[in-house]
Amino acid sequence: MIHAGDDDDDDDDNDADDQDGVWPENLPALTAFMRIQTQWVVAGVGMAGLLTIGLNYACAKAGLELAGIDVTPDLWDDILVIEAGAVPALNESTS
């Protein structure tokens, strides 16, 4: 499951896991997402450019299957969490 960062500002924990930026339990979801990161549904919004709507789930499913990634319900939920964070970031330049 994807975990939100905690609010604890304890900088005394400088072990190697903290330096990666990706918790080990989140690596499967990130790896899967990186395989389908080009499968976005976008819409033209006139002179403003493009608006990212979200992932094309049919294409994402095909990409994950072709990559040999077994998508469990938990993994899919984690991919959707990443998508939910990526969509606003991708649309920042159009707002």
PDB file of N, CA and C in Angstrom:
ATOM      1  N   MET A   1       0.843  -1.167   0.000  1.00  0.00           N
ATOM      2  CA  MET A   1       0.000   0.000   0.000  1.00  0.00           C
ATOM      3  C   MET A   1       0.892   1.235   0.000  1.00  0.00           C
ATOM      4  N   ILE A   2       0.476   2.255  -0.671  1.00  0.00           N
ATOM      5  CA  ILE A   2       1.211   3.517  -0.713  1.00  0.00           C
ATOM      6  C   ILE A   2       1.010   4.235   0.620  1.00  0.00           C
ATOM      7  N   HIS A   3       2.082   4.742   1.166  1.00  0.00           N
ATOM      8  CA  HIS A   3       2.010   5.446   2.441  1.00  0.00           C
ATOM      9  C   HIS A   3       2.296   6.923   2.229  1.00  0.00           C
ATOM     10  N   ALA A   4       1.499   7.742   2.872  1.00  0.00           N
ATOM     11  CA  ALA A   4       1.768   9.184   2.850  1.00  0.00           C
ATOM     12  C   ALA A   4       2.925   9.463   3.798  1.00  0.00           C
ATOM     13  N   GLY A   5       3.671  10.494   3.495  1.00  0.00           N
ATOM     14  CA  GLY A   5       4.771  10.872   4.372  1.00  0.00           C
ATOM     15  C   GLY A   5       4.247  11.304   5.729  1.00  0.00           C
ATOM     16  N   ASP A   6       5.031  11.011   6.765  1.00  0.00           N
ATOM     17  CA  ASP A   6       4.576  11.447   8.073  1.00  0.00           C
ATOM     18  C   ASP A   6       5.073  12.855   8.347  1.00  0.00           C
ATOM     19  N   ASP A   7       4.491  13.460   9.338  1.00  0.00           N
ATOM     20  CA  ASP A   7       4.824  14.840   9.665  1.00  0.00           C
ATOM     21  C   ASP A   7       5.976  14.937  10.656  1.00  0.00           C
ATOM     22  N   ASP A   8       6.581  13.810  11.009  1.00  0.00           N
ATOM     23  CA  ASP A   8       7.669  13.796  11.966  1.00  0.00           C
ATOM     24  C   ASP A   8       8.919  14.362  11.319  1.00  0.00           C
ATOM     25  N   ASP A   9       9.444  15.435  11.864  1.00  0.00           N
ATOM     26  CA  ASP A   9      10.624  16.095  11.312  1.00  0.00           C
ATOM     27  C   ASP A   9      11.904  15.556  11.913  1.00  0.00           C
ATOM     28  N   ASP A  10      11.917  14.305  12.334  1.00  0.00           N
ATOM     29  CA  ASP A  10      13.084  13.699  12.952  1.00  0.00           C
ATOM     30  C   ASP A  10      14.121  13.397  11.881  1.00  0.00           C
ATOM     31  N   ASP A  11      15.183  14.198  11.825  1.00  0.00           N
ATOM     32  CA  ASP A  11      16.221  14.037  10.823  1.00  0.00           C
ATOM     33  C   ASP A  11      17.331  13.111  11.290  1.00  0.00           C
ATOM     34  N   ASP A  12      17.164  12.459  12.441  1.00  0.00           N
ATOM     35  CA  ASP A  12      18.192  11.572  12.956  1.00  0.00           C
ATOM     36  C   ASP A  12      18.228  10.239  12.219  1.00  0.00           C
ATOM     37  N   ASP A  13      17.196   9.914  11.469  1.00  0.00           N
ATOM     38  CA  ASP A  13      17.136   8.647  10.740  1.00  0.00           C
ATOM     39  C   ASP A  13      17.709   8.836   9.345  1.00  0.00           C
ATOM     40  N   ASN A  14      18.995   8.689   9.195  1.00  0.00           N
ATOM     41  CA  ASN A  14      19.631   8.885   7.894  1.00  0.00           C
ATOM     42  C   ASN A  14      20.128   7.575   7.312  1.00  0.00           C
ATOM     43  N   ASP A  15      19.363   6.485   7.481  1.00  0.00           N
ATOM     44  CA  ASP A  15      19.809   5.227   6.910  1.00  0.00           C
ATOM     45  C   ASP A  15      19.553   5.210   5.405  1.00  0.00           C
ATOM     46  N   ALA A  16      20.083   4.194   4.725  1.00  0.00           N
ATOM     47  CA  ALA A  16      20.050   4.133   3.260  1.00  0.00           C
ATOM     48  C   ALA A  16      18.624   4.132   2.706  1.00  0.00           C
ATOM     49  N   ASP A  17      17.668   3.503   3.413  1.00  0.00           N
ATOM     50  CA  ASP A  17      16.295   3.460   2.911  1.00  0.00           C
ATOM     51  C   ASP A  17      15.703   4.851   2.760  1.00  0.00           C
ATOM     52  N   ASP A  18      16.056   5.770   3.652  1.00  0.00           N
ATOM     53  CA  ASP A  18      15.526   7.128   3.584  1.00  0.00           C
ATOM     54  C   ASP A  18      16.097   7.896   2.395  1.00  0.00           C
ATOM     55  N   GLN A  19      17.239   7.495   1.902  1.00  0.00           N
ATOM     56  CA  GLN A  19      17.897   8.218   0.823  1.00  0.00           C
ATOM     57  C   GLN A  19      17.322   7.875  -0.545  1.00  0.00           C
ATOM     58  N   ASP A  20      16.681   6.723  -0.688  1.00  0.00           N
ATOM     59  CA  ASP A  20      16.147   6.307  -1.982  1.00  0.00           C
ATOM     60  C   ASP A  20      14.972   7.149  -2.436  1.00  0.00           C
ATOM     61  N   GLY A  21      14.125   7.567  -1.528  1.00  0.00           N
ATOM     62  CA  GLY A  21      12.940   8.314  -1.900  1.00  0.00           C
ATOM     63  C   GLY A  21      11.750   7.422  -2.209  1.00  0.00           C
ATOM     64  N   VAL A  22      11.943   6.109  -2.302  1.00  0.00           N
ATOM     65  CA  VAL A  22      10.853   5.168  -2.558  1.00  0.00           C
ATOM     66  C   VAL A  22      10.918   4.081  -1.497  1.00  0.00           C
ATOM     67  N   TRP A  23       9.860   3.944  -0.739  1.00  0.00           N
ATOM     68  CA  TRP A  23       9.812   2.882   0.257  1.00  0.00           C
ATOM     69  C   TRP A  23       9.727   1.543  -0.463  1.00  0.00           C
ATOM     70  N   PRO A  24      10.372   0.511   0.035  1.00  0.00           N
ATOM     71  CA  PRO A  24      10.380  -0.788  -0.642  1.00  0.00           C
ATOM     72  C   PRO A  24       8.982  -1.329  -0.953  1.00  0.00           C
ATOM     73  N   GLU A  25       8.035  -1.116  -0.058  1.00  0.00           N
ATOM     74  CA  GLU A  25       6.683  -1.628  -0.303  1.00  0.00           C
ATOM     75  C   GLU A  25       5.959  -0.870  -1.426  1.00  0.00           C
ATOM     76  N   ASN A  26       6.488   0.294  -1.814  1.00  0.00           N
ATOM     77  CA  ASN A  26       5.887   1.064  -2.904  1.00  0.00           C
ATOM     78  C   ASN A  26       6.551   0.802  -4.252  1.00  0.00           C
ATOM     79  N   LEU A  27       7.670   0.093  -4.244  1.00  0.00           N
ATOM     80  CA  LEU A  27       8.408  -0.141  -5.479  1.00  0.00           C
ATOM     81  C   LEU A  27       7.612  -0.891  -6.544  1.00  0.00           C
ATOM     82  N   PRO A  28       6.837  -1.927  -6.206  1.00  0.00           N
ATOM     83  CA  PRO A  28       6.045  -2.596  -7.246  1.00  0.00           C
ATOM     84  C   PRO A  28       5.072  -1.648  -7.954  1.00  0.00           C
ATOM     85  N   ALA A  29       4.411  -0.775  -7.198  1.00  0.00           N
ATOM     86  CA  ALA A  29       3.469   0.159  -7.817  1.00  0.00           C
ATOM     87  C   ALA A  29       4.193   1.173  -8.682  1.00  0.00           C
ATOM     88  N   LEU A  30       5.317   1.676  -8.206  1.00  0.00           N
ATOM     89  CA  LEU A  30       6.081   2.633  -9.007  1.00  0.00           C
ATOM     90  C   LEU A  30       6.612   1.986 -10.271  1.00  0.00           C
ATOM     91  N   THR A  31       7.123   0.771 -10.157  1.00  0.00           N
ATOM     92  CA  THR A  31       7.619   0.054 -11.333  1.00  0.00           C
ATOM     93  C   THR A  31       6.503  -0.152 -12.349  1.00  0.00           C
ATOM     94  N   ALA A  32       5.342  -0.564 -11.882  1.00  0.00           N
ATOM     95  CA  ALA A  32       4.199  -0.769 -12.780  1.00  0.00           C
ATOM     96  C   ALA A  32       3.792   0.551 -13.429  1.00  0.00           C
ATOM     97  N   PHE A  33       3.723   1.609 -12.629  1.00  0.00           N
ATOM     98  CA  PHE A  33       3.328   2.911 -13.164  1.00  0.00           C
ATOM     99  C   PHE A  33       4.310   3.392 -14.230  1.00  0.00           C
ATOM    100  N   MET A  34       5.584   3.184 -13.998  1.00  0.00           N
ATOM    101  CA  MET A  34       6.588   3.629 -14.964  1.00  0.00           C
ATOM    102  C   MET A  34       6.443   2.896 -16.298  1.00  0.00           C
ATOM    103  N   ARG A  35       5.927   1.687 -16.280  1.00  0.00           N
ATOM    104  CA  ARG A  35       5.701   0.937 -17.517  1.00  0.00           C
ATOM    105  C   ARG A  35       4.539   1.498 -18.332  1.00  0.00           C
ATOM    106  N   ILE A  36       3.627   2.198 -17.683  1.00  0.00           N
ATOM    107  CA  ILE A  36       2.428   2.698 -18.389  1.00  0.00           C
ATOM    108  C   ILE A  36       2.339   4.215 -18.359  1.00  0.00           C
ATOM    109  N   GLN A  37       3.429   4.868 -18.028  1.00  0.00           N
ATOM    110  CA  GLN A  37       3.404   6.319 -17.842  1.00  0.00           C
ATOM    111  C   GLN A  37       3.102   7.114 -19.106  1.00  0.00           C
ATOM    112  N   THR A  38       3.090   6.486 -20.251  1.00  0.00           N
ATOM    113  CA  THR A  38       2.766   7.202 -21.491  1.00  0.00           C
ATOM    114  C   THR A  38       1.319   7.014 -21.915  1.00  0.00           C
ATOM    115  N   GLN A  39       0.528   6.314 -21.139  1.00  0.00           N
ATOM    116  CA  GLN A  39      -0.826   5.954 -21.546  1.00  0.00           C
ATOM    117  C   GLN A  39      -1.884   6.905 -20.996  1.00  0.00           C
ATOM    118  N   TRP A  40      -1.709   8.194 -21.244  1.00  0.00           N
ATOM    119  CA  TRP A  40      -2.622   9.202 -20.719  1.00  0.00           C
ATOM    120  C   TRP A  40      -3.732   9.524 -21.699  1.00  0.00           C
ATOM    121  N   VAL A  41      -4.895   9.831 -21.151  1.00  0.00           N
ATOM    122  CA  VAL A  41      -5.989  10.418 -21.924  1.00  0.00           C
ATOM    123  C   VAL A  41      -5.859  11.926 -21.739  1.00  0.00           C
ATOM    124  N   VAL A  42      -5.763  12.647 -22.857  1.00  0.00           N
ATOM    125  CA  VAL A  42      -5.651  14.102 -22.797  1.00  0.00           C
ATOM    126  C   VAL A  42      -6.743  14.716 -23.658  1.00  0.00           C
ATOM    127  N   ALA A  43      -7.096  15.936 -23.335  1.00  0.00           N
ATOM    128  CA  ALA A  43      -8.103  16.669 -24.098  1.00  0.00           C
ATOM    129  C   ALA A  43      -7.544  18.037 -24.446  1.00  0.00           C
ATOM    130  N   GLY A  44      -7.820  18.474 -25.644  1.00  0.00           N
ATOM    131  CA  GLY A  44      -7.434  19.815 -26.043  1.00  0.00           C
ATOM    132  C   GLY A  44      -8.342  20.833 -25.391  1.00  0.00           C
ATOM    133  N   VAL A  45      -7.752  21.907 -24.899  1.00  0.00           N
ATOM    134  CA  VAL A  45      -8.534  22.963 -24.255  1.00  0.00           C
ATOM    135  C   VAL A  45      -8.232  24.297 -24.918  1.00  0.00           C
ATOM    136  N   GLY A  46      -8.415  24.321 -26.210  1.00  0.00           N
ATOM    137  CA  GLY A  46      -8.221  25.553 -26.971  1.00  0.00           C
ATOM    138  C   GLY A  46      -6.798  26.051 -26.912  1.00  0.00           C
ATOM    139  N   MET A  47      -6.643  27.336 -26.703  1.00  0.00           N
ATOM    140  CA  MET A  47      -5.329  27.955 -26.688  1.00  0.00           C
ATOM    141  C   MET A  47      -4.521  27.563 -25.441  1.00  0.00           C
ATOM    142  N   ALA A  48      -5.180  26.984 -24.443  1.00  0.00           N
ATOM    143  CA  ALA A  48      -4.480  26.608 -23.209  1.00  0.00           C
ATOM    144  C   ALA A  48      -3.630  25.360 -23.386  1.00  0.00           C
ATOM    145  N   GLY A  49      -3.863  24.608 -24.442  1.00  0.00           N
ATOM    146  CA  GLY A  49      -3.059  23.413 -24.679  1.00  0.00           C
ATOM    147  C   GLY A  49      -3.815  22.146 -24.371  1.00  0.00           C
ATOM    148  N   LEU A  50      -3.196  21.261 -23.606  1.00  0.00           N
ATOM    149  CA  LEU A  50      -3.778  19.962 -23.307  1.00  0.00           C
ATOM    150  C   LEU A  50      -4.079  19.830 -21.826  1.00  0.00           C
ATOM    151  N   LEU A  51      -5.154  19.121 -21.536  1.00  0.00           N
ATOM    152  CA  LEU A  51      -5.542  18.825 -20.163  1.00  0.00           C
ATOM    153  C   LEU A  51      -5.464  17.315 -19.992  1.00  0.00           C
ATOM    154  N   THR A  52      -4.688  16.848 -19.026  1.00  0.00           N
ATOM    155  CA  THR A  52      -4.592  15.418 -18.756  1.00  0.00           C
ATOM    156  C   THR A  52      -5.799  14.993 -17.934  1.00  0.00           C
ATOM    157  N   ILE A  53      -6.529  13.998 -18.445  1.00  0.00           N
ATOM    158  CA  ILE A  53      -7.730  13.499 -17.778  1.00  0.00           C
ATOM    159  C   ILE A  53      -7.371  12.372 -16.820  1.00  0.00           C
ATOM    160  N   GLY A  54      -6.544  11.450 -17.259  1.00  0.00           N
ATOM    161  CA  GLY A  54      -6.144  10.301 -16.446  1.00  0.00           C
ATOM    162  C   GLY A  54      -5.563   9.239 -17.355  1.00  0.00           C
ATOM    163  N   LEU A  55      -5.267   8.101 -16.774  1.00  0.00           N
ATOM    164  CA  LEU A  55      -4.742   6.995 -17.560  1.00  0.00           C
ATOM    165  C   LEU A  55      -5.835   6.373 -18.417  1.00  0.00           C
ATOM    166  N   ASN A  56      -5.448   5.905 -19.590  1.00  0.00           N
ATOM    167  CA  ASN A  56      -6.328   5.093 -20.419  1.00  0.00           C
ATOM    168  C   ASN A  56      -6.213   3.680 -19.861  1.00  0.00           C
ATOM    169  N   TYR A  57      -7.237   3.229 -19.143  1.00  0.00           N
ATOM    170  CA  TYR A  57      -7.142   1.970 -18.407  1.00  0.00           C
ATOM    171  C   TYR A  57      -6.999   0.765 -19.323  1.00  0.00           C
ATOM    172  N   ALA A  58      -7.627   0.785 -20.495  1.00  0.00           N
ATOM    173  CA  ALA A  58      -7.476  -0.342 -21.426  1.00  0.00           C
ATOM    174  C   ALA A  58      -6.030  -0.446 -21.905  1.00  0.00           C
ATOM    175  N   CYS A  59      -5.435   0.679 -22.237  1.00  0.00           N
ATOM    176  CA  CYS A  59      -4.033   0.689 -22.667  1.00  0.00           C
ATOM    177  C   CYS A  59      -3.107   0.354 -21.512  1.00  0.00           C
ATOM    178  N   ALA A  60      -3.427   0.841 -20.327  1.00  0.00           N
ATOM    179  CA  ALA A  60      -2.619   0.532 -19.153  1.00  0.00           C
ATOM    180  C   ALA A  60      -2.642  -0.965 -18.874  1.00  0.00           C
ATOM    181  N   LYS A  61      -3.814  -1.571 -18.967  1.00  0.00           N
ATOM    182  CA  LYS A  61      -3.933  -3.015 -18.753  1.00  0.00           C
ATOM    183  C   LYS A  61      -3.089  -3.774 -19.763  1.00  0.00           C
ATOM    184  N   ALA A  62      -3.175  -3.384 -21.020  1.00  0.00           N
ATOM    185  CA  ALA A  62      -2.386  -4.049 -22.059  1.00  0.00           C
ATOM    186  C   ALA A  62      -0.891  -3.877 -21.799  1.00  0.00           C
ATOM    187  N   GLY A  63      -0.480  -2.681 -21.435  1.00  0.00           N
ATOM    188  CA  GLY A  63       0.927  -2.431 -21.165  1.00  0.00           C
ATOM    189  C   GLY A  63       1.448  -3.240 -19.996  1.00  0.00           C
ATOM    190  N   LEU A  64       0.650  -3.348 -18.953  1.00  0.00           N
ATOM    191  CA  LEU A  64       1.061  -4.126 -17.783  1.00  0.00           C
ATOM    192  C   LEU A  64       1.131  -5.611 -18.119  1.00  0.00           C
ATOM    193  N   GLU A  65       0.168  -6.099 -18.903  1.00  0.00           N
ATOM    194  CA  GLU A  65       0.199  -7.501 -19.319  1.00  0.00           C
ATOM    195  C   GLU A  65       1.414  -7.784 -20.193  1.00  0.00           C
ATOM    196  N   LEU A  66       1.698  -6.892 -21.141  1.00  0.00           N
ATOM    197  CA  LEU A  66       2.860  -7.079 -22.016  1.00  0.00           C
ATOM    198  C   LEU A  66       4.177  -7.020 -21.240  1.00  0.00           C
ATOM    199  N   ALA A  67       4.188  -6.266 -20.157  1.00  0.00           N
ATOM    200  CA  ALA A  67       5.383  -6.171 -19.324  1.00  0.00           C
ATOM    201  C   ALA A  67       5.498  -7.360 -18.368  1.00  0.00           C
ATOM    202  N   GLY A  68       4.483  -8.219 -18.359  1.00  0.00           N
ATOM    203  CA  GLY A  68       4.510  -9.387 -17.488  1.00  0.00           C
ATOM    204  C   GLY A  68       4.244  -9.068 -16.029  1.00  0.00           C
ATOM    205  N   ILE A  69       3.551  -7.967 -15.780  1.00  0.00           N
ATOM    206  CA  ILE A  69       3.250  -7.550 -14.408  1.00  0.00           C
ATOM    207  C   ILE A  69       1.878  -8.083 -14.021  1.00  0.00           C
ATOM    208  N   ASP A  70       1.839  -8.881 -12.966  1.00  0.00           N
ATOM    209  CA  ASP A  70       0.587  -9.428 -12.449  1.00  0.00           C
ATOM    210  C   ASP A  70      -0.095  -8.349 -11.619  1.00  0.00           C
ATOM    211  N   VAL A  71      -1.212  -7.848 -12.105  1.00  0.00           N
ATOM    212  CA  VAL A  71      -1.897  -6.742 -11.435  1.00  0.00           C
ATOM    213  C   VAL A  71      -2.935  -7.305 -10.464  1.00  0.00           C
ATOM    214  N   THR A  72      -2.643  -7.153  -9.196  1.00  0.00           N
ATOM    215  CA  THR A  72      -3.582  -7.536  -8.152  1.00  0.00           C
ATOM    216  C   THR A  72      -4.464  -6.327  -7.843  1.00  0.00           C
ATOM    217  N   PRO A  73      -5.572  -6.526  -7.168  1.00  0.00           N
ATOM    218  CA  PRO A  73      -6.385  -5.369  -6.765  1.00  0.00           C
ATOM    219  C   PRO A  73      -5.601  -4.354  -5.930  1.00  0.00           C
ATOM    220  N   ASP A  74      -4.736  -4.827  -5.046  1.00  0.00           N
ATOM    221  CA  ASP A  74      -3.937  -3.899  -4.228  1.00  0.00           C
ATOM    222  C   ASP A  74      -2.953  -3.109  -5.085  1.00  0.00           C
ATOM    223  N   LEU A  75      -2.305  -3.771  -6.038  1.00  0.00           N
ATOM    224  CA  LEU A  75      -1.382  -3.062  -6.922  1.00  0.00           C
ATOM    225  C   LEU A  75      -2.132  -2.037  -7.759  1.00  0.00           C
ATOM    226  N   TRP A  76      -3.296  -2.402  -8.276  1.00  0.00           N
ATOM    227  CA  TRP A  76      -4.085  -1.463  -9.074  1.00  0.00           C
ATOM    228  C   TRP A  76      -4.485  -0.246  -8.237  1.00  0.00           C
ATOM    229  N   ASP A  77      -4.897  -0.478  -6.997  1.00  0.00           N
ATOM    230  CA  ASP A  77      -5.234   0.644  -6.103  1.00  0.00           C
ATOM    231  C   ASP A  77      -4.043   1.583  -5.932  1.00  0.00           C
ATOM    232  N   ASP A  78      -2.858   1.013  -5.773  1.00  0.00           N
ATOM    233  CA  ASP A  78      -1.655   1.839  -5.617  1.00  0.00           C
ATOM    234  C   ASP A  78      -1.340   2.620  -6.890  1.00  0.00           C
ATOM    235  N   ILE A  79      -1.544   2.000  -8.047  1.00  0.00           N
ATOM    236  CA  ILE A  79      -1.344   2.711  -9.320  1.00  0.00           C
ATOM    237  C   ILE A  79      -2.309   3.886  -9.413  1.00  0.00           C
ATOM    238  N   LEU A  80      -3.538   3.692  -8.973  1.00  0.00           N
ATOM    239  CA  LEU A  80      -4.524   4.772  -9.010  1.00  0.00           C
ATOM    240  C   LEU A  80      -4.153   5.912  -8.072  1.00  0.00           C
ATOM    241  N   VAL A  81      -3.506   5.596  -6.951  1.00  0.00           N
ATOM    242  CA  VAL A  81      -3.040   6.645  -6.046  1.00  0.00           C
ATOM    243  C   VAL A  81      -1.962   7.479  -6.742  1.00  0.00           C
ATOM    244  N   ILE A  82      -1.048   6.802  -7.438  1.00  0.00           N
ATOM    245  CA  ILE A  82      -0.006   7.525  -8.176  1.00  0.00           C
ATOM    246  C   ILE A  82      -0.644   8.377  -9.263  1.00  0.00           C
ATOM    247  N   GLU A  83      -1.614   7.811  -9.988  1.00  0.00           N
ATOM    248  CA  GLU A  83      -2.319   8.564 -11.028  1.00  0.00           C
ATOM    249  C   GLU A  83      -2.974   9.810 -10.446  1.00  0.00           C
ATOM    250  N   ALA A  84      -3.610   9.659  -9.289  1.00  0.00           N
ATOM    251  CA  ALA A  84      -4.303  10.796  -8.664  1.00  0.00           C
ATOM    252  C   ALA A  84      -3.336  11.919  -8.308  1.00  0.00           C
ATOM    253  N   GLY A  85      -2.112  11.585  -8.007  1.00  0.00           N
ATOM    254  CA  GLY A  85      -1.113  12.611  -7.734  1.00  0.00           C
ATOM    255  C   GLY A  85      -0.486  13.168  -8.996  1.00  0.00           C
ATOM    256  N   ALA A  86      -0.393  12.334 -10.030  1.00  0.00           N
ATOM    257  CA  ALA A  86       0.254  12.761 -11.267  1.00  0.00           C
ATOM    258  C   ALA A  86      -0.626  13.697 -12.089  1.00  0.00           C
ATOM    259  N   VAL A  87      -1.920  13.458 -12.125  1.00  0.00           N
ATOM    260  CA  VAL A  87      -2.812  14.272 -12.962  1.00  0.00           C
ATOM    261  C   VAL A  87      -2.730  15.766 -12.606  1.00  0.00           C
ATOM    262  N   PRO A  88      -2.876  16.143 -11.341  1.00  0.00           N
ATOM    263  CA  PRO A  88      -2.755  17.579 -11.033  1.00  0.00           C
ATOM    264  C   PRO A  88      -1.360  18.142 -11.372  1.00  0.00           C
ATOM    265  N   ALA A  89      -0.332  17.329 -11.151  1.00  0.00           N
ATOM    266  CA  ALA A  89       1.025  17.802 -11.466  1.00  0.00           C
ATOM    267  C   ALA A  89       1.188  18.013 -12.964  1.00  0.00           C
ATOM    268  N   LEU A  90       0.627  17.123 -13.764  1.00  0.00           N
ATOM    269  CA  LEU A  90       0.708  17.268 -15.215  1.00  0.00           C
ATOM    270  C   LEU A  90      -0.097  18.452 -15.714  1.00  0.00           C
ATOM    271  N   ASN A  91      -1.138  18.816 -14.985  1.00  0.00           N
ATOM    272  CA  ASN A  91      -2.006  19.924 -15.405  1.00  0.00           C
ATOM    273  C   ASN A  91      -1.607  21.270 -14.819  1.00  0.00           C
ATOM    274  N   GLU A  92      -0.562  21.329 -14.023  1.00  0.00           N
ATOM    275  CA  GLU A  92      -0.165  22.589 -13.395  1.00  0.00           C
ATOM    276  C   GLU A  92       0.102  23.693 -14.427  1.00  0.00           C
ATOM    277  N   SER A  93       0.692  23.354 -15.535  1.00  0.00           N
ATOM    278  CA  SER A  93       1.032  24.383 -16.522  1.00  0.00           C
ATOM    279  C   SER A  93      -0.197  24.897 -17.277  1.00  0.00           C
ATOM    280  N   THR A  94      -1.340  24.174 -17.178  1.00  0.00           N
ATOM    281  CA  THR A  94      -2.536  24.623 -17.887  1.00  0.00           C
ATOM    282  C   THR A  94      -3.490  25.388 -16.983  1.00  0.00           C
ATOM    283  N   SER A  95      -3.173  25.513 -15.682  1.00  0.00           N
ATOM    284  CA  SER A  95      -4.090  26.247 -14.812  1.00  0.00           C
ATOM    285  C   SER A  95      -3.702  27.687 -14.672  1.00  0.00           C
TER     286      SER A  95
END
